[in-house]
N, C-alpha and C. Protein backbone atom coordinates (compact mmCIF):
# COMPACT_ATOMS: atom_id res chain seq x y z
N MET A 1 0.65 -1.23 0.02
CA MET A 1 -0.03 0.10 0.02
C MET A 1 0.93 1.30 0.04
N ASN A 2 0.45 2.20 -0.53
CA ASN A 2 1.03 3.61 -0.59
C ASN A 2 0.71 4.40 0.85
N ILE A 3 1.89 4.73 1.28
CA ILE A 3 1.66 5.46 2.67
C ILE A 3 1.82 6.83 2.60
N THR A 4 0.84 7.72 3.05
CA THR A 4 1.18 9.12 3.19
C THR A 4 0.96 9.56 4.56
N PHE A 5 1.49 10.55 5.08
CA PHE A 5 1.59 10.99 6.59
C PHE A 5 0.62 12.28 6.75
N SER A 6 0.04 12.42 7.66
CA SER A 6 -0.81 13.66 8.01
C SER A 6 0.09 14.56 8.58
N THR A 7 1.00 14.31 9.01
CA THR A 7 2.06 15.33 9.67
C THR A 7 3.55 15.15 9.37
N LYS A 8 4.35 16.17 9.32
CA LYS A 8 5.60 16.03 8.67
C LYS A 8 6.28 15.17 9.87
N ARG A 9 6.04 15.37 11.07
CA ARG A 9 6.54 14.69 12.29
C ARG A 9 6.57 13.06 12.14
N LEU A 10 5.42 12.77 11.96
CA LEU A 10 5.18 11.32 11.69
C LEU A 10 5.88 10.70 10.48
N GLU A 11 6.04 11.48 9.43
CA GLU A 11 6.93 11.19 8.24
C GLU A 11 8.33 11.05 8.79
N LYS A 12 8.87 12.19 9.55
CA LYS A 12 10.25 12.05 9.76
C LYS A 12 10.59 11.00 10.74
N LEU A 13 9.63 10.61 11.68
CA LEU A 13 9.82 9.45 12.58
C LEU A 13 9.92 8.12 11.59
N ALA A 14 9.07 8.02 10.67
CA ALA A 14 9.19 6.66 9.91
C ALA A 14 10.52 6.57 9.04
N ASN A 15 11.26 7.98 8.79
CA ASN A 15 12.18 7.81 7.78
C ASN A 15 13.69 8.03 8.61
N ASP A 16 13.71 8.08 9.96
CA ASP A 16 14.80 8.09 10.81
C ASP A 16 14.77 7.35 11.96
N ALA A 17 15.12 6.04 12.06
CA ALA A 17 15.16 5.16 13.04
C ALA A 17 15.62 5.70 14.33
N LYS A 18 16.78 6.55 14.25
CA LYS A 18 17.47 6.94 15.46
C LYS A 18 16.41 7.99 16.30
N LYS A 19 15.87 9.07 15.41
CA LYS A 19 14.97 9.99 15.88
C LYS A 19 13.57 9.30 16.40
N CYS A 20 13.09 8.35 15.86
CA CYS A 20 11.93 7.43 16.01
C CYS A 20 12.22 7.00 17.45
N GLN A 21 13.30 6.35 17.62
CA GLN A 21 13.55 5.59 19.06
C GLN A 21 13.88 6.70 20.05
N LYS A 22 14.29 7.80 19.83
CA LYS A 22 14.62 8.84 20.93
C LYS A 22 13.21 9.28 21.32
N GLU A 23 12.41 9.39 20.33
CA GLU A 23 10.98 10.10 20.74
C GLU A 23 9.87 9.02 21.21
N LEU A 24 9.93 7.75 20.71
CA LEU A 24 8.96 6.79 21.09
C LEU A 24 9.55 5.66 22.02
N GLY A 25 10.71 5.75 22.25
CA GLY A 25 11.23 4.56 22.88
C GLY A 25 11.71 3.51 22.15
N LYS A 26 12.38 2.47 22.57
CA LYS A 26 12.91 1.35 21.92
C LYS A 26 11.95 0.64 21.36
N THR A 27 10.76 -0.04 22.12
CA THR A 27 9.79 -0.73 21.83
C THR A 27 8.84 -0.04 20.90
N GLY A 28 8.36 1.28 21.40
CA GLY A 28 7.48 1.96 20.57
C GLY A 28 8.00 2.09 19.19
N ALA A 29 9.31 2.47 19.08
CA ALA A 29 9.77 2.81 17.76
C ALA A 29 9.95 1.42 16.78
N GLU A 30 10.04 0.50 17.39
CA GLU A 30 10.22 -1.05 16.71
C GLU A 30 8.83 -1.11 16.06
N ARG A 31 7.71 -1.13 16.74
CA ARG A 31 6.36 -1.47 16.62
C ARG A 31 5.68 -0.45 15.51
N TYR A 32 6.31 0.83 15.86
CA TYR A 32 5.91 1.95 14.69
C TYR A 32 6.34 1.51 13.54
N LEU A 33 7.71 1.22 13.31
CA LEU A 33 8.38 0.95 12.17
C LEU A 33 7.74 -0.42 11.36
N LEU A 34 7.56 -1.45 12.22
CA LEU A 34 7.07 -2.71 11.95
C LEU A 34 5.58 -2.64 11.31
N ARG A 35 4.74 -1.73 11.97
CA ARG A 35 3.35 -1.65 11.43
C ARG A 35 3.46 -1.00 10.11
N LEU A 36 4.23 0.16 9.93
CA LEU A 36 4.46 0.72 8.69
C LEU A 36 4.76 -0.32 7.57
N SER A 37 5.81 -0.96 7.95
CA SER A 37 6.31 -2.04 7.12
C SER A 37 5.03 -3.13 6.59
N ASP A 38 4.52 -3.49 7.69
CA ASP A 38 3.24 -4.41 7.33
C ASP A 38 2.25 -3.78 6.24
N LEU A 39 2.06 -2.36 6.59
CA LEU A 39 1.07 -1.60 5.73
C LEU A 39 1.72 -1.33 4.23
N HIS A 40 2.92 -1.29 4.29
CA HIS A 40 3.64 -0.86 3.07
C HIS A 40 3.58 -2.15 2.04
N ILE A 41 3.90 -3.36 2.70
CA ILE A 41 3.90 -4.49 1.81
C ILE A 41 2.59 -5.13 1.54
N ALA A 42 1.61 -4.73 2.26
CA ALA A 42 0.39 -5.16 2.02
C ALA A 42 -0.59 -4.73 0.75
N VAL A 43 -1.10 -5.56 0.12
CA VAL A 43 -1.79 -5.34 -1.04
C VAL A 43 -3.27 -4.54 -0.66
N SER A 44 -3.78 -5.28 0.24
CA SER A 44 -5.02 -4.72 0.62
C SER A 44 -5.13 -4.81 2.15
N LEU A 45 -6.36 -4.39 2.74
CA LEU A 45 -6.43 -4.24 4.12
C LEU A 45 -6.64 -5.67 4.64
N GLU A 46 -7.20 -6.53 3.75
CA GLU A 46 -7.29 -8.06 4.17
C GLU A 46 -6.05 -8.68 4.52
N ASP A 47 -4.93 -8.34 4.01
CA ASP A 47 -3.56 -8.78 4.11
C ASP A 47 -3.17 -8.52 5.61
N VAL A 48 -3.53 -7.43 6.27
CA VAL A 48 -3.01 -7.10 7.45
C VAL A 48 -4.08 -7.46 8.72
N ARG A 49 -5.35 -7.65 8.29
CA ARG A 49 -6.27 -7.93 9.40
C ARG A 49 -6.05 -8.86 10.46
N TYR A 50 -5.09 -9.93 10.17
CA TYR A 50 -4.94 -10.95 11.08
C TYR A 50 -3.66 -10.93 11.51
N LEU A 51 -2.81 -9.97 11.22
CA LEU A 51 -1.54 -9.78 11.68
C LEU A 51 -1.22 -9.34 13.05
N PRO A 52 -0.22 -9.84 13.79
CA PRO A 52 -0.11 -9.08 15.23
C PRO A 52 -0.20 -7.62 15.13
N GLY A 53 -0.73 -7.04 16.14
CA GLY A 53 -1.04 -5.81 16.21
C GLY A 53 -2.54 -5.28 16.11
N ARG A 54 -3.44 -6.25 15.98
CA ARG A 54 -4.94 -5.99 16.15
C ARG A 54 -5.39 -5.04 15.26
N TYR A 55 -4.96 -5.20 13.87
CA TYR A 55 -5.64 -4.16 13.12
C TYR A 55 -7.04 -4.32 12.94
N HIS A 56 -7.70 -3.14 13.19
CA HIS A 56 -9.22 -3.16 12.95
C HIS A 56 -9.80 -1.92 12.49
N GLU A 57 -11.10 -2.07 12.09
CA GLU A 57 -11.79 -0.89 11.46
C GLU A 57 -12.47 -0.21 12.56
N LEU A 58 -12.29 1.23 12.73
CA LEU A 58 -12.81 1.93 13.70
C LEU A 58 -14.42 2.29 13.33
N SER A 59 -15.09 2.69 14.26
CA SER A 59 -16.59 3.05 14.14
C SER A 59 -16.85 4.50 14.79
N GLY A 60 -18.16 4.83 14.61
CA GLY A 60 -18.52 6.25 15.08
C GLY A 60 -18.07 7.28 14.23
N ASN A 61 -17.53 8.33 15.08
CA ASN A 61 -16.93 9.49 14.32
C ASN A 61 -15.59 9.25 13.66
N ARG A 62 -15.12 7.93 13.92
CA ARG A 62 -13.91 7.70 12.93
C ARG A 62 -14.22 6.45 12.07
N LYS A 63 -15.45 6.41 11.67
CA LYS A 63 -15.74 5.41 10.64
C LYS A 63 -14.94 5.68 9.31
N GLY A 64 -14.55 4.72 8.67
CA GLY A 64 -13.65 4.90 7.42
C GLY A 64 -12.22 4.70 7.88
N GLN A 65 -11.79 4.89 9.23
CA GLN A 65 -10.44 4.80 9.70
C GLN A 65 -10.16 3.40 10.25
N TRP A 66 -8.92 3.05 10.09
CA TRP A 66 -8.46 1.78 10.81
C TRP A 66 -7.38 2.08 12.04
N ALA A 67 -7.16 1.24 12.74
CA ALA A 67 -6.07 1.14 13.78
C ALA A 67 -5.49 0.06 14.01
N CYS A 68 -4.16 0.21 14.65
CA CYS A 68 -3.41 -1.07 15.18
C CYS A 68 -2.58 -0.69 16.36
N ASP A 69 -2.56 -1.64 17.12
CA ASP A 69 -1.76 -1.40 18.52
C ASP A 69 -0.29 -1.09 18.23
N LEU A 70 0.26 -0.20 18.98
CA LEU A 70 1.73 0.01 19.18
C LEU A 70 2.07 -0.50 20.61
N GLU A 71 2.47 0.32 21.40
CA GLU A 71 2.70 -0.07 22.65
C GLU A 71 1.65 0.84 23.59
N HIS A 72 1.12 -0.02 24.39
CA HIS A 72 -0.06 0.55 25.26
C HIS A 72 0.41 1.75 26.05
N PRO A 73 -0.34 2.86 25.89
CA PRO A 73 -1.75 3.01 25.28
C PRO A 73 -1.77 3.61 23.78
N TYR A 74 -0.57 3.44 23.20
CA TYR A 74 -0.62 4.09 21.76
C TYR A 74 -1.07 3.08 20.66
N ARG A 75 -1.64 3.73 19.75
CA ARG A 75 -1.91 3.04 18.54
C ARG A 75 -1.69 3.91 17.25
N LEU A 76 -1.71 3.27 16.25
CA LEU A 76 -1.46 4.08 14.76
C LEU A 76 -2.93 3.91 14.38
N ILE A 77 -3.36 5.12 13.82
CA ILE A 77 -4.68 5.31 13.42
C ILE A 77 -4.35 5.73 11.83
N PHE A 78 -5.02 4.96 10.83
CA PHE A 78 -4.72 5.40 9.36
C PHE A 78 -6.11 5.18 8.58
N ARG A 79 -5.94 5.99 7.51
CA ARG A 79 -7.13 6.05 6.56
C ARG A 79 -6.79 5.44 5.12
N PRO A 80 -7.20 4.14 4.89
CA PRO A 80 -7.11 3.47 3.66
C PRO A 80 -7.32 4.67 2.53
N HIS A 81 -6.51 4.47 1.27
CA HIS A 81 -6.58 5.30 0.27
C HIS A 81 -7.62 4.81 -0.84
N GLU A 82 -8.03 3.57 -0.55
CA GLU A 82 -8.82 3.09 -1.36
C GLU A 82 -10.27 3.74 -1.56
N ASP A 83 -10.75 4.09 -2.53
CA ASP A 83 -12.21 4.65 -2.54
C ASP A 83 -13.06 4.02 -3.54
N PRO A 84 -14.15 3.61 -3.23
CA PRO A 84 -14.60 3.25 -1.78
C PRO A 84 -13.85 2.04 -1.20
N ILE A 85 -13.69 2.17 0.14
CA ILE A 85 -13.08 1.03 0.93
C ILE A 85 -14.01 -0.12 0.55
N PRO A 86 -13.43 -1.29 0.31
CA PRO A 86 -13.90 -2.44 0.05
C PRO A 86 -14.66 -2.95 1.32
N GLN A 87 -15.97 -3.47 1.20
CA GLN A 87 -16.59 -4.04 2.18
C GLN A 87 -17.22 -5.48 1.93
N ASN A 88 -17.37 -6.22 3.14
CA ASN A 88 -17.85 -7.55 2.96
C ASN A 88 -19.38 -7.38 3.19
N GLU A 89 -20.04 -8.49 3.15
CA GLU A 89 -21.45 -8.57 3.30
C GLU A 89 -22.08 -7.94 4.54
N ASP A 90 -21.24 -7.75 5.62
CA ASP A 90 -21.65 -7.02 6.91
C ASP A 90 -21.37 -5.67 6.86
N GLY A 91 -20.97 -4.91 5.82
CA GLY A 91 -20.66 -3.55 5.74
C GLY A 91 -19.31 -3.24 6.35
N LYS A 92 -18.65 -4.08 6.67
CA LYS A 92 -17.30 -3.83 7.36
C LYS A 92 -16.26 -3.74 6.33
N GLY A 93 -15.28 -3.25 6.35
CA GLY A 93 -13.90 -3.16 5.48
C GLY A 93 -13.52 -4.42 5.19
N ALA A 94 -13.22 -4.86 3.92
CA ALA A 94 -12.77 -6.04 3.43
C ALA A 94 -11.33 -6.04 3.49
């Protein structure tokens, strides 16, 4: 998947492992970079749904966004670029 960032700060963290570790700590940085890597190599959301990190679709005022766990209590929230987001029979993202 193609990844774009909502802020320059997040993009800098993704492109500089040392800066990422300094800001997020060792475990937080490892998980942040791993989750981004998972998303980068995925072809669709279905490819990441069952990976470690509990990738899941959000609801309510965040409908259309997805999240995955980083280091408690932090998570990575992202919006798929696919338009429209593929859905299964239950109306959830595919």
